[in-house]
Structure formats: C-alpha cells, structure tokens
Amino acid sequence: MSDLKNEAEALGIDVDGRWSEETLKEKIAEAKAKNPQPATQDAAPKEASEELYPIRLLFDWWDDQGNRHPRGETVDVPFDAAKKLIDGRKAARADAFSPKRG
C-alpha cells in the first residue's frame, strides 16, 4: 500500500488514509489519464540536455564524431569528457574561474 501511496503523492494526489487499495488505484489511474506522461521523454538523447563545459586543449584531440581539434583551441564538452581530458592532462579548464596563463 505504501508504494501506491508514494505513487499517488508523486502524482499530486492528496491521499486520504481511509482509502482502500482499490480506491487508491482508481485515483492514480484518473490522475494518469488527466496528465499522460510523454513516452518519448526517456528516449531523448542524454547529450541534448547535458550541460557543456569549456576546456582549453593542451594536445590535439579528436571528438566522438572524428573531428580534429588542434592544441590551444577552446571547446565545450560534456562534464564527463571534460573531467577525463583534464584528469589525463590533455586539457585545462577554460571557464571564468580558471587561472589565465600567458
């Protein structure tokens, strides 16, 4: 019953503790019918909504599409790629908080 209650509350239903399991299921079904969730929401590419971070390349680098980026170029990449390149000493941070080097 607590799983149903949690699901109902997540849908914005004010749960009455006196409701039976059947009533709770009906309320959940009604709420879902009024506000159907788009099926394509989970199918959206992760990269499309992922925030990008600027890095300055210390070596030439080829991105996932095979495009070459020369040393010294500043590119915007997802967090995981930025972290991997910076940790591998292939790039440096290029955001407002990174130190300017001459």
PDB file of N, CA and C in Angstrom:
ATOM      1  N   MET A   1       0.822  -1.191   0.000  1.00  0.00           N
ATOM      2  CA  MET A   1       0.000   0.000   0.000  1.00  0.00           C
ATOM      3  C   MET A   1       0.866   1.254   0.000  1.00  0.00           C
ATOM      4  N   SER A   2       2.036   1.230   0.670  1.00  0.00           N
ATOM      5  CA  SER A   2       2.866   2.431   0.734  1.00  0.00           C
ATOM      6  C   SER A   2       3.426   2.797  -0.635  1.00  0.00           C
ATOM      7  N   ASP A   3       3.667   1.787  -1.495  1.00  0.00           N
ATOM      8  CA  ASP A   3       4.125   2.078  -2.854  1.00  0.00           C
ATOM      9  C   ASP A   3       3.046   2.830  -3.617  1.00  0.00           C
ATOM     10  N   LEU A   4       1.803   2.402  -3.456  1.00  0.00           N
ATOM     11  CA  LEU A   4       0.688   3.089  -4.103  1.00  0.00           C
ATOM     12  C   LEU A   4       0.539   4.501  -3.556  1.00  0.00           C
ATOM     13  N   LYS A   5       0.692   4.633  -2.251  1.00  0.00           N
ATOM     14  CA  LYS A   5       0.582   5.950  -1.627  1.00  0.00           C
ATOM     15  C   LYS A   5       1.672   6.878  -2.156  1.00  0.00           C
ATOM     16  N   ASN A   6       2.900   6.389  -2.238  1.00  0.00           N
ATOM     17  CA  ASN A   6       4.012   7.189  -2.767  1.00  0.00           C
ATOM     18  C   ASN A   6       3.760   7.588  -4.217  1.00  0.00           C
ATOM     19  N   GLU A   7       3.266   6.648  -5.010  1.00  0.00           N
ATOM     20  CA  GLU A   7       2.972   6.934  -6.414  1.00  0.00           C
ATOM     21  C   GLU A   7       1.875   7.992  -6.518  1.00  0.00           C
ATOM     22  N   ALA A   8       0.851   7.866  -5.699  1.00  0.00           N
ATOM     23  CA  ALA A   8      -0.256   8.821  -5.719  1.00  0.00           C
ATOM     24  C   ALA A   8       0.231  10.211  -5.314  1.00  0.00           C
ATOM     25  N   GLU A   9       1.035  10.284  -4.276  1.00  0.00           N
ATOM     26  CA  GLU A   9       1.557  11.579  -3.833  1.00  0.00           C
ATOM     27  C   GLU A   9       2.468  12.200  -4.882  1.00  0.00           C
ATOM     28  N   ALA A  10       3.228  11.365  -5.589  1.00  0.00           N
ATOM     29  CA  ALA A  10       4.087  11.871  -6.662  1.00  0.00           C
ATOM     30  C   ALA A  10       3.263  12.458  -7.809  1.00  0.00           C
ATOM     31  N   LEU A  11       2.039  11.962  -7.967  1.00  0.00           N
ATOM     32  CA  LEU A  11       1.140  12.481  -8.992  1.00  0.00           C
ATOM     33  C   LEU A  11       0.337  13.687  -8.506  1.00  0.00           C
ATOM     34  N   GLY A  12       0.561  14.089  -7.266  1.00  0.00           N
ATOM     35  CA  GLY A  12      -0.120  15.258  -6.726  1.00  0.00           C
ATOM     36  C   GLY A  12      -1.464  14.967  -6.085  1.00  0.00           C
ATOM     37  N   ILE A  13      -1.706  13.721  -5.759  1.00  0.00           N
ATOM     38  CA  ILE A  13      -2.976  13.329  -5.133  1.00  0.00           C
ATOM     39  C   ILE A  13      -2.842  13.461  -3.622  1.00  0.00           C
ATOM     40  N   ASP A  14      -3.813  14.141  -2.995  1.00  0.00           N
ATOM     41  CA  ASP A  14      -3.871  14.205  -1.535  1.00  0.00           C
ATOM     42  C   ASP A  14      -4.507  12.903  -1.050  1.00  0.00           C
ATOM     43  N   VAL A  15      -3.692  12.038  -0.491  1.00  0.00           N
ATOM     44  CA  VAL A  15      -4.140  10.705  -0.100  1.00  0.00           C
ATOM     45  C   VAL A  15      -4.864  10.754   1.240  1.00  0.00           C
ATOM     46  N   ASP A  16      -6.034  10.156   1.258  1.00  0.00           N
ATOM     47  CA  ASP A  16      -6.809  10.014   2.491  1.00  0.00           C
ATOM     48  C   ASP A  16      -6.463   8.637   3.064  1.00  0.00           C
ATOM     49  N   GLY A  17      -6.038   8.599   4.296  1.00  0.00           N
ATOM     50  CA  GLY A  17      -5.626   7.354   4.938  1.00  0.00           C
ATOM     51  C   GLY A  17      -6.729   6.310   5.038  1.00  0.00           C
ATOM     52  N   ARG A  18      -7.976   6.727   4.831  1.00  0.00           N
ATOM     53  CA  ARG A  18      -9.097   5.784   4.919  1.00  0.00           C
ATOM     54  C   ARG A  18      -9.374   5.085   3.591  1.00  0.00           C
ATOM     55  N   TRP A  19      -8.711   5.510   2.519  1.00  0.00           N
ATOM     56  CA  TRP A  19      -8.963   4.907   1.209  1.00  0.00           C
ATOM     57  C   TRP A  19      -8.466   3.470   1.168  1.00  0.00           C
ATOM     58  N   SER A  20      -9.215   2.642   0.463  1.00  0.00           N
ATOM     59  CA  SER A  20      -8.780   1.257   0.255  1.00  0.00           C
ATOM     60  C   SER A  20      -7.742   1.236  -0.867  1.00  0.00           C
ATOM     61  N   GLU A  21      -7.120   0.100  -1.029  1.00  0.00           N
ATOM     62  CA  GLU A  21      -6.131  -0.067  -2.095  1.00  0.00           C
ATOM     63  C   GLU A  21      -6.781   0.140  -3.465  1.00  0.00           C
ATOM     64  N   GLU A  22      -8.007  -0.357  -3.619  1.00  0.00           N
ATOM     65  CA  GLU A  22      -8.737  -0.193  -4.886  1.00  0.00           C
ATOM     66  C   GLU A  22      -9.025   1.279  -5.184  1.00  0.00           C
ATOM     67  N   THR A  23      -9.442   2.025  -4.176  1.00  0.00           N
ATOM     68  CA  THR A  23      -9.719   3.447  -4.356  1.00  0.00           C
ATOM     69  C   THR A  23      -8.444   4.183  -4.750  1.00  0.00           C
ATOM     70  N   LEU A  24      -7.357   3.838  -4.104  1.00  0.00           N
ATOM     71  CA  LEU A  24      -6.078   4.456  -4.401  1.00  0.00           C
ATOM     72  C   LEU A  24      -5.661   4.177  -5.849  1.00  0.00           C
ATOM     73  N   LYS A  25      -5.844   2.934  -6.298  1.00  0.00           N
ATOM     74  CA  LYS A  25      -5.526   2.581  -7.683  1.00  0.00           C
ATOM     75  C   LYS A  25      -6.387   3.380  -8.663  1.00  0.00           C
ATOM     76  N   GLU A  26      -7.669   3.559  -8.331  1.00  0.00           N
ATOM     77  CA  GLU A  26      -8.577   4.332  -9.187  1.00  0.00           C
ATOM     78  C   GLU A  26      -8.127   5.787  -9.281  1.00  0.00           C
ATOM     79  N   LYS A  27      -7.755   6.378  -8.147  1.00  0.00           N
ATOM     80  CA  LYS A  27      -7.304   7.766  -8.117  1.00  0.00           C
ATOM     81  C   LYS A  27      -6.029   7.941  -8.942  1.00  0.00           C
ATOM     82  N   ILE A  28      -5.139   6.971  -8.847  1.00  0.00           N
ATOM     83  CA  ILE A  28      -3.895   7.015  -9.623  1.00  0.00           C
ATOM     84  C   ILE A  28      -4.207   6.931 -11.111  1.00  0.00           C
ATOM     85  N   ALA A  29      -5.096   6.016 -11.483  1.00  0.00           N
ATOM     86  CA  ALA A  29      -5.477   5.864 -12.890  1.00  0.00           C
ATOM     87  C   ALA A  29      -6.123   7.143 -13.426  1.00  0.00           C
ATOM     88  N   GLU A  30      -6.971   7.782 -12.626  1.00  0.00           N
ATOM     89  CA  GLU A  30      -7.615   9.035 -13.030  1.00  0.00           C
ATOM     90  C   GLU A  30      -6.579  10.139 -13.248  1.00  0.00           C
ATOM     91  N   ALA A  31      -5.621  10.229 -12.326  1.00  0.00           N
ATOM     92  CA  ALA A  31      -4.591  11.264 -12.435  1.00  0.00           C
ATOM     93  C   ALA A  31      -3.722  11.041 -13.668  1.00  0.00           C
ATOM     94  N   LYS A  32      -3.397   9.791 -13.953  1.00  0.00           N
ATOM     95  CA  LYS A  32      -2.583   9.482 -15.134  1.00  0.00           C
ATOM     96  C   LYS A  32      -3.350   9.767 -16.417  1.00  0.00           C
ATOM     97  N   ALA A  33      -4.665   9.529 -16.404  1.00  0.00           N
ATOM     98  CA  ALA A  33      -5.483   9.795 -17.585  1.00  0.00           C
ATOM     99  C   ALA A  33      -5.579  11.298 -17.856  1.00  0.00           C
ATOM    100  N   LYS A  34      -5.610  12.104 -16.808  1.00  0.00           N
ATOM    101  CA  LYS A  34      -5.684  13.558 -16.964  1.00  0.00           C
ATOM    102  C   LYS A  34      -4.357  14.152 -17.424  1.00  0.00           C
ATOM    103  N   ASN A  35      -3.259  13.594 -16.952  1.00  0.00           N
ATOM    104  CA  ASN A  35      -1.920  14.092 -17.274  1.00  0.00           C
ATOM    105  C   ASN A  35      -1.044  12.964 -17.800  1.00  0.00           C
ATOM    106  N   PRO A  36      -1.235  12.533 -19.033  1.00  0.00           N
ATOM    107  CA  PRO A  36      -0.399  11.445 -19.551  1.00  0.00           C
ATOM    108  C   PRO A  36       1.045  11.916 -19.724  1.00  0.00           C
ATOM    109  N   GLN A  37       1.968  11.078 -19.335  1.00  0.00           N
ATOM    110  CA  GLN A  37       3.389  11.383 -19.485  1.00  0.00           C
ATOM    111  C   GLN A  37       3.818  11.030 -20.897  1.00  0.00           C
ATOM    112  N   PRO A  38       4.585  11.897 -21.573  1.00  0.00           N
ATOM    113  CA  PRO A  38       5.041  11.580 -22.929  1.00  0.00           C
ATOM    114  C   PRO A  38       5.970  10.376 -22.925  1.00  0.00           C
ATOM    115  N   ALA A  39       5.739   9.460 -23.843  1.00  0.00           N
ATOM    116  CA  ALA A  39       6.539   8.238 -23.906  1.00  0.00           C
ATOM    117  C   ALA A  39       7.946   8.517 -24.393  1.00  0.00           C
ATOM    118  N   THR A  40       8.147   9.613 -25.101  1.00  0.00           N
ATOM    119  CA  THR A  40       9.462   9.914 -25.660  1.00  0.00           C
ATOM    120  C   THR A  40      10.380  10.620 -24.678  1.00  0.00           C
ATOM    121  N   GLN A  41       9.906  10.927 -23.483  1.00  0.00           N
ATOM    122  CA  GLN A  41      10.719  11.656 -22.519  1.00  0.00           C
ATOM    123  C   GLN A  41      12.005  10.901 -22.188  1.00  0.00           C
ATOM    124  N   ASP A  42      11.925   9.601 -21.949  1.00  0.00           N
ATOM    125  CA  ASP A  42      13.107   8.821 -21.623  1.00  0.00           C
ATOM    126  C   ASP A  42      13.967   8.545 -22.847  1.00  0.00           C
ATOM    127  N   ALA A  43      13.394   8.648 -24.034  1.00  0.00           N
ATOM    128  CA  ALA A  43      14.117   8.345 -25.255  1.00  0.00           C
ATOM    129  C   ALA A  43      14.966   9.520 -25.732  1.00  0.00           C
ATOM    130  N   ALA A  44      14.860  10.680 -25.089  1.00  0.00           N
ATOM    131  CA  ALA A  44      15.638  11.845 -25.501  1.00  0.00           C
ATOM    132  C   ALA A  44      17.120  11.565 -25.279  1.00  0.00           C
ATOM    133  N   PRO A  45      17.951  11.979 -26.225  1.00  0.00           N
ATOM    134  CA  PRO A  45      19.384  11.740 -26.070  1.00  0.00           C
ATOM    135  C   PRO A  45      19.923  12.457 -24.836  1.00  0.00           C
ATOM    136  N   LYS A  46      20.783  11.786 -24.120  1.00  0.00           N
ATOM    137  CA  LYS A  46      21.344  12.328 -22.891  1.00  0.00           C
ATOM    138  C   LYS A  46      22.147  13.593 -23.180  1.00  0.00           C
ATOM    139  N   GLU A  47      22.880  13.587 -24.284  1.00  0.00           N
ATOM    140  CA  GLU A  47      23.749  14.700 -24.614  1.00  0.00           C
ATOM    141  C   GLU A  47      22.963  15.972 -24.917  1.00  0.00           C
ATOM    142  N   ALA A  48      21.745  15.850 -25.398  1.00  0.00           N
ATOM    143  CA  ALA A  48      20.972  17.021 -25.777  1.00  0.00           C
ATOM    144  C   ALA A  48      20.667  17.902 -24.581  1.00  0.00           C
ATOM    145  N   SER A  49      20.475  17.321 -23.420  1.00  0.00           N
ATOM    146  CA  SER A  49      20.144  18.103 -22.238  1.00  0.00           C
ATOM    147  C   SER A  49      21.339  18.274 -21.301  1.00  0.00           C
ATOM    148  N   GLU A  50      22.474  17.726 -21.674  1.00  0.00           N
ATOM    149  CA  GLU A  50      23.639  17.764 -20.808  1.00  0.00           C
ATOM    150  C   GLU A  50      24.344  19.115 -20.925  1.00  0.00           C
ATOM    151  N   GLU A  51      24.723  19.668 -19.791  1.00  0.00           N
ATOM    152  CA  GLU A  51      25.401  20.947 -19.765  1.00  0.00           C
ATOM    153  C   GLU A  51      26.824  20.788 -20.288  1.00  0.00           C
ATOM    154  N   LEU A  52      27.310  21.798 -21.010  1.00  0.00           N
ATOM    155  CA  LEU A  52      28.648  21.756 -21.593  1.00  0.00           C
ATOM    156  C   LEU A  52      29.598  22.650 -20.804  1.00  0.00           C
ATOM    157  N   TYR A  53      30.870  22.263 -20.779  1.00  0.00           N
ATOM    158  CA  TYR A  53      31.889  22.978 -20.038  1.00  0.00           C
ATOM    159  C   TYR A  53      33.042  23.332 -20.975  1.00  0.00           C
ATOM    160  N   PRO A  54      33.564  24.563 -20.881  1.00  0.00           N
ATOM    161  CA  PRO A  54      34.674  24.949 -21.755  1.00  0.00           C
ATOM    162  C   PRO A  54      36.008  24.419 -21.230  1.00  0.00           C
ATOM    163  N   ILE A  55      36.807  23.867 -22.140  1.00  0.00           N
ATOM    164  CA  ILE A  55      38.162  23.433 -21.800  1.00  0.00           C
ATOM    165  C   ILE A  55      39.111  23.930 -22.884  1.00  0.00           C
ATOM    166  N   ARG A  56      40.373  24.143 -22.500  1.00  0.00           N
ATOM    167  CA  ARG A  56      41.410  24.535 -23.452  1.00  0.00           C
ATOM    168  C   ARG A  56      42.293  23.320 -23.671  1.00  0.00           C
ATOM    169  N   LEU A  57      42.431  22.920 -24.918  1.00  0.00           N
ATOM    170  CA  LEU A  57      43.172  21.705 -25.241  1.00  0.00           C
ATOM    171  C   LEU A  57      44.673  21.937 -25.156  1.00  0.00           C
ATOM    172  N   LEU A  58      45.380  21.023 -24.495  1.00  0.00           N
ATOM    173  CA  LEU A  58      46.832  21.074 -24.386  1.00  0.00           C
ATOM    174  C   LEU A  58      47.497  20.215 -25.450  1.00  0.00           C
ATOM    175  N   PHE A  59      46.703  19.366 -26.100  1.00  0.00           N
ATOM    176  CA  PHE A  59      47.153  18.500 -27.191  1.00  0.00           C
ATOM    177  C   PHE A  59      46.042  18.436 -28.232  1.00  0.00           C
ATOM    178  N   ASP A  60      46.369  18.023 -29.451  1.00  0.00           N
ATOM    179  CA  ASP A  60      45.321  17.802 -30.438  1.00  0.00           C
ATOM    180  C   ASP A  60      44.375  16.733 -29.897  1.00  0.00           C
ATOM    181  N   TRP A  61      43.097  16.873 -30.242  1.00  0.00           N
ATOM    182  CA  TRP A  61      42.081  15.953 -29.715  1.00  0.00           C
ATOM    183  C   TRP A  61      41.034  15.688 -30.775  1.00  0.00           C
ATOM    184  N   TRP A  62      40.593  14.447 -30.888  1.00  0.00           N
ATOM    185  CA  TRP A  62      39.532  14.057 -31.802  1.00  0.00           C
ATOM    186  C   TRP A  62      38.286  13.739 -30.992  1.00  0.00           C
ATOM    187  N   ASP A  63      37.178  14.397 -31.334  1.00  0.00           N
ATOM    188  CA  ASP A  63      35.938  14.175 -30.595  1.00  0.00           C
ATOM    189  C   ASP A  63      35.264  12.891 -31.044  1.00  0.00           C
ATOM    190  N   ASP A  64      34.090  12.594 -30.492  1.00  0.00           N
ATOM    191  CA  ASP A  64      33.370  11.350 -30.790  1.00  0.00           C
ATOM    192  C   ASP A  64      32.946  11.239 -32.245  1.00  0.00           C
ATOM    193  N   GLN A  65      32.801  12.379 -32.946  1.00  0.00           N
ATOM    194  CA  GLN A  65      32.409  12.351 -34.348  1.00  0.00           C
ATOM    195  C   GLN A  65      33.620  12.283 -35.274  1.00  0.00           C
ATOM    196  N   GLY A  66      34.826  12.229 -34.706  1.00  0.00           N
ATOM    197  CA  GLY A  66      36.041  12.128 -35.501  1.00  0.00           C
ATOM    198  C   GLY A  66      36.585  13.478 -35.954  1.00  0.00           C
ATOM    199  N   ASN A  67      36.046  14.565 -35.434  1.00  0.00           N
ATOM    200  CA  ASN A  67      36.537  15.894 -35.782  1.00  0.00           C
ATOM    201  C   ASN A  67      37.786  16.214 -34.972  1.00  0.00           C
ATOM    202  N   ARG A  68      38.822  16.732 -35.672  1.00  0.00           N
ATOM    203  CA  ARG A  68      40.071  17.076 -35.004  1.00  0.00           C
ATOM    204  C   ARG A  68      39.984  18.496 -34.467  1.00  0.00           C
ATOM    205  N   HIS A  69      40.435  18.650 -33.218  1.00  0.00           N
ATOM    206  CA  HIS A  69      40.510  19.956 -32.584  1.00  0.00           C
ATOM    207  C   HIS A  69      41.977  20.185 -32.226  1.00  0.00           C
ATOM    208  N   PRO A  70      42.595  21.244 -32.735  1.00  0.00           N
ATOM    209  CA  PRO A  70      44.024  21.459 -32.502  1.00  0.00           C
ATOM    210  C   PRO A  70      44.337  21.950 -31.094  1.00  0.00           C
ATOM    211  N   ARG A  71      45.567  21.734 -30.692  1.00  0.00           N
ATOM    212  CA  ARG A  71      46.075  22.204 -29.398  1.00  0.00           C
ATOM    213  C   ARG A  71      45.842  23.705 -29.293  1.00  0.00           C
ATOM    214  N   GLY A  72      45.422  24.154 -28.112  1.00  0.00           N
ATOM    215  CA  GLY A  72      45.183  25.569 -27.876  1.00  0.00           C
ATOM    216  C   GLY A  72      43.743  26.003 -28.113  1.00  0.00           C
ATOM    217  N   GLU A  73      42.970  25.185 -28.800  1.00  0.00           N
ATOM    218  CA  GLU A  73      41.563  25.523 -29.066  1.00  0.00           C
ATOM    219  C   GLU A  73      40.740  25.354 -27.792  1.00  0.00           C
ATOM    220  N   THR A  74      39.753  26.212 -27.627  1.00  0.00           N
ATOM    221  CA  THR A  74      38.806  26.076 -26.528  1.00  0.00           C
ATOM    222  C   THR A  74      37.545  25.432 -27.073  1.00  0.00           C
ATOM    223  N   VAL A  75      37.131  24.325 -26.462  1.00  0.00           N
ATOM    224  CA  VAL A  75      35.940  23.600 -26.905  1.00  0.00           C
ATOM    225  C   VAL A  75      35.004  23.390 -25.729  1.00  0.00           C
ATOM    226  N   ASP A  76      33.714  23.288 -26.014  1.00  0.00           N
ATOM    227  CA  ASP A  76      32.707  22.990 -24.998  1.00  0.00           C
ATOM    228  C   ASP A  76      32.369  21.510 -25.075  1.00  0.00           C
ATOM    229  N   VAL A  77      32.529  20.824 -23.959  1.00  0.00           N
ATOM    230  CA  VAL A  77      32.285  19.382 -23.909  1.00  0.00           C
ATOM    231  C   VAL A  77      31.444  19.035 -22.687  1.00  0.00           C
ATOM    232  N   PRO A  78      30.775  17.869 -22.700  1.00  0.00           N
ATOM    233  CA  PRO A  78      30.032  17.420 -21.519  1.00  0.00           C
ATOM    234  C   PRO A  78      30.978  17.207 -20.330  1.00  0.00           C
ATOM    235  N   PHE A  79      30.406  17.224 -19.134  1.00  0.00           N
ATOM    236  CA  PHE A  79      31.192  17.125 -17.901  1.00  0.00           C
ATOM    237  C   PHE A  79      32.128  15.916 -17.889  1.00  0.00           C
ATOM    238  N   ASP A  80      31.616  14.725 -18.238  1.00  0.00           N
ATOM    239  CA  ASP A  80      32.447  13.518 -18.178  1.00  0.00           C
ATOM    240  C   ASP A  80      33.660  13.620 -19.089  1.00  0.00           C
ATOM    241  N   ALA A  81      33.469  14.154 -20.298  1.00  0.00           N
ATOM    242  CA  ALA A  81      34.582  14.306 -21.238  1.00  0.00           C
ATOM    243  C   ALA A  81      35.572  15.346 -20.723  1.00  0.00           C
ATOM    244  N   ALA A  82      35.068  16.454 -20.169  1.00  0.00           N
ATOM    245  CA  ALA A  82      35.948  17.486 -19.630  1.00  0.00           C
ATOM    246  C   ALA A  82      36.791  16.921 -18.489  1.00  0.00           C
ATOM    247  N   LYS A  83      36.152  16.192 -17.590  1.00  0.00           N
ATOM    248  CA  LYS A  83      36.863  15.610 -16.446  1.00  0.00           C
ATOM    249  C   LYS A  83      37.940  14.636 -16.918  1.00  0.00           C
ATOM    250  N   LYS A  84      37.598  13.800 -17.891  1.00  0.00           N
ATOM    251  CA  LYS A  84      38.556  12.810 -18.395  1.00  0.00           C
ATOM    252  C   LYS A  84      39.763  13.497 -19.042  1.00  0.00           C
ATOM    253  N   LEU A  85      39.512  14.520 -19.854  1.00  0.00           N
ATOM    254  CA  LEU A  85      40.609  15.216 -20.516  1.00  0.00           C
ATOM    255  C   LEU A  85      41.472  15.996 -19.527  1.00  0.00           C
ATOM    256  N   ILE A  86      40.855  16.632 -18.553  1.00  0.00           N
ATOM    257  CA  ILE A  86      41.612  17.405 -17.562  1.00  0.00           C
ATOM    258  C   ILE A  86      42.408  16.471 -16.655  1.00  0.00           C
ATOM    259  N   ASP A  87      41.780  15.380 -16.189  1.00  0.00           N
ATOM    260  CA  ASP A  87      42.487  14.416 -15.338  1.00  0.00           C
ATOM    261  C   ASP A  87      43.656  13.768 -16.076  1.00  0.00           C
ATOM    262  N   GLY A  88      43.511  13.570 -17.393  1.00  0.00           N
ATOM    263  CA  GLY A  88      44.578  12.979 -18.204  1.00  0.00           C
ATOM    264  C   GLY A  88      45.607  13.995 -18.664  1.00  0.00           C
ATOM    265  N   ARG A  89      45.484  15.219 -18.181  1.00  0.00           N
ATOM    266  CA  ARG A  89      46.386  16.320 -18.522  1.00  0.00           C
ATOM    267  C   ARG A  89      46.446  16.576 -20.021  1.00  0.00           C
ATOM    268  N   LYS A  90      45.319  16.373 -20.683  1.00  0.00           N
ATOM    269  CA  LYS A  90      45.190  16.658 -22.118  1.00  0.00           C
ATOM    270  C   LYS A  90      44.532  18.010 -22.350  1.00  0.00           C
ATOM    271  N   ALA A  91      43.914  18.577 -21.269  1.00  0.00           N
ATOM    272  CA  ALA A  91      43.210  19.850 -21.376  1.00  0.00           C
ATOM    273  C   ALA A  91      43.229  20.543 -20.016  1.00  0.00           C
ATOM    274  N   ALA A  92      42.874  21.828 -20.047  1.00  0.00           N
ATOM    275  CA  ALA A  92      42.778  22.618 -18.817  1.00  0.00           C
ATOM    276  C   ALA A  92      41.425  23.320 -18.805  1.00  0.00           C
ATOM    277  N   ARG A  93      40.975  23.689 -17.619  1.00  0.00           N
ATOM    278  CA  ARG A  93      39.715  24.422 -17.513  1.00  0.00           C
ATOM    279  C   ARG A  93      39.838  25.740 -18.262  1.00  0.00           C
ATOM    280  N   ALA A  94      38.746  26.153 -18.897  1.00  0.00           N
ATOM    281  CA  ALA A  94      38.742  27.424 -19.624  1.00  0.00           C
ATOM    282  C   ALA A  94      37.557  28.268 -19.206  1.00  0.00           C
ATOM    283  N   ASP A  95      37.056  28.043 -18.002  1.00  0.00           N
ATOM    284  CA  ASP A  95      35.922  28.828 -17.534  1.00  0.00           C
ATOM    285  C   ASP A  95      36.408  30.071 -16.800  1.00  0.00           C
ATOM    286  N   ALA A  96      35.493  30.863 -16.292  1.00  0.00           N
ATOM    287  CA  ALA A  96      35.826  32.124 -15.646  1.00  0.00           C
ATOM    288  C   ALA A  96      36.676  31.936 -14.392  1.00  0.00           C
ATOM    289  N   PHE A  97      36.660  30.772 -13.775  1.00  0.00           N
ATOM    290  CA  PHE A  97      37.383  30.545 -12.540  1.00  0.00           C
ATOM    291  C   PHE A  97      38.775  29.956 -12.759  1.00  0.00           C
ATOM    292  N   SER A  98      39.117  29.631 -13.998  1.00  0.00           N
ATOM    293  CA  SER A  98      40.427  29.058 -14.249  1.00  0.00           C
ATOM    294  C   SER A  98      41.473  30.185 -14.334  1.00  0.00           C
ATOM    295  N   PRO A  99      42.688  29.926 -13.898  1.00  0.00           N
ATOM    296  CA  PRO A  99      43.715  30.970 -13.946  1.00  0.00           C
ATOM    297  C   PRO A  99      44.136  31.239 -15.391  1.00  0.00           C
ATOM    298  N   LYS A 100      44.392  32.497 -15.693  1.00  0.00           N
ATOM    299  CA  LYS A 100      44.872  32.878 -17.031  1.00  0.00           C
ATOM    300  C   LYS A 100      46.360  32.591 -17.102  1.00  0.00           C
ATOM    301  N   ARG A 101      46.762  31.918 -18.164  1.00  0.00           N
ATOM    302  CA  ARG A 101      48.186  31.615 -18.347  1.00  0.00           C
ATOM    303  C   ARG A 101      48.633  32.226 -19.672  1.00  0.00           C
ATOM    304  N   GLY A 102      49.756  32.851 -19.629  1.00  0.00           N
ATOM    305  CA  GLY A 102      50.235  33.627 -20.713  1.00  0.00           C
ATOM    306  C   GLY A 102      50.664  33.017 -21.940  1.00  0.00           C
TER     307      GLY A 102
END
